[in-house]
């Protein structure tokens, strides 16, 4: 697919009746950079795409003049293929997504998937930058709320607790999901697939909360309660181990639920 991003930027700039110098000042780049974009001699850095789209008040899709249906199908294929390696080979998954961004720069769905491959603590600042760039342009609620969740988690891991609460406040409290309703009210394979996926997600949420309770009791010095909930975590995990009728990517999180040197500390 030929991307004529430079021509689109030039057209949008002229519609706003502003010079290259003014656009460059707004974006924090040189007017020579803008000139190179418009002539096709260079492409904007991927991190600039959300800002450019936001300034011209267009979506990133419109900025690249993509057919939306074609874009959605290709983007989902890129993300689906990369997700297969999310836990087994995060570096490969990230490389696949970054290749996708070369074809669809600034795409919020690919960027959202990219965040899942950037989980090491030394990349927290990079994660925050990507989160903020997505939030500037995304029009998809599911993307927005997932990014806010990741952003709050990252702030927490960095010890920036003052930023966690305000971030979480932007996420609405919802007590049901589309998958849950599909499982209840659809029929046949559609209902079964929805139930299977929702069961997997509910299982993961339950394991998250029970293991978190163990951690919090441990931090409070209540070793008995901590051990009780740690043991419950292991029992819940064991109930689902080896299930073949549920999507089973939870193996990638086994260490998160069952390790953290939890057991030696609890047995002291």
Foldseek 3Di string as FASTA:
>chain_A
DDFQLLCLLVVLCVVVPDALCVVCVQQVHHSVVNVCSNVVVDNDDLLSQLVSCLVSVHALCVSRVHDVVVVVVVLVVLLVVLVVCLQVPLVSSLVSLVVVCVVRRNDLVSLLSNLSSQPDLVCLVVLLSSLVSSCSHDPDPVSVQSSLVSNLVSCVVVVVNVPNVVSCVVDDDDDDDPLRVQLVPPDDPSNLQSVQAVVVVVLVVVLVVLLVQLVVCVVVVNLVSNVVSLVVSVVSVVVCPPDPSHPDPCVSCCCVRNPPVSVVVSVD
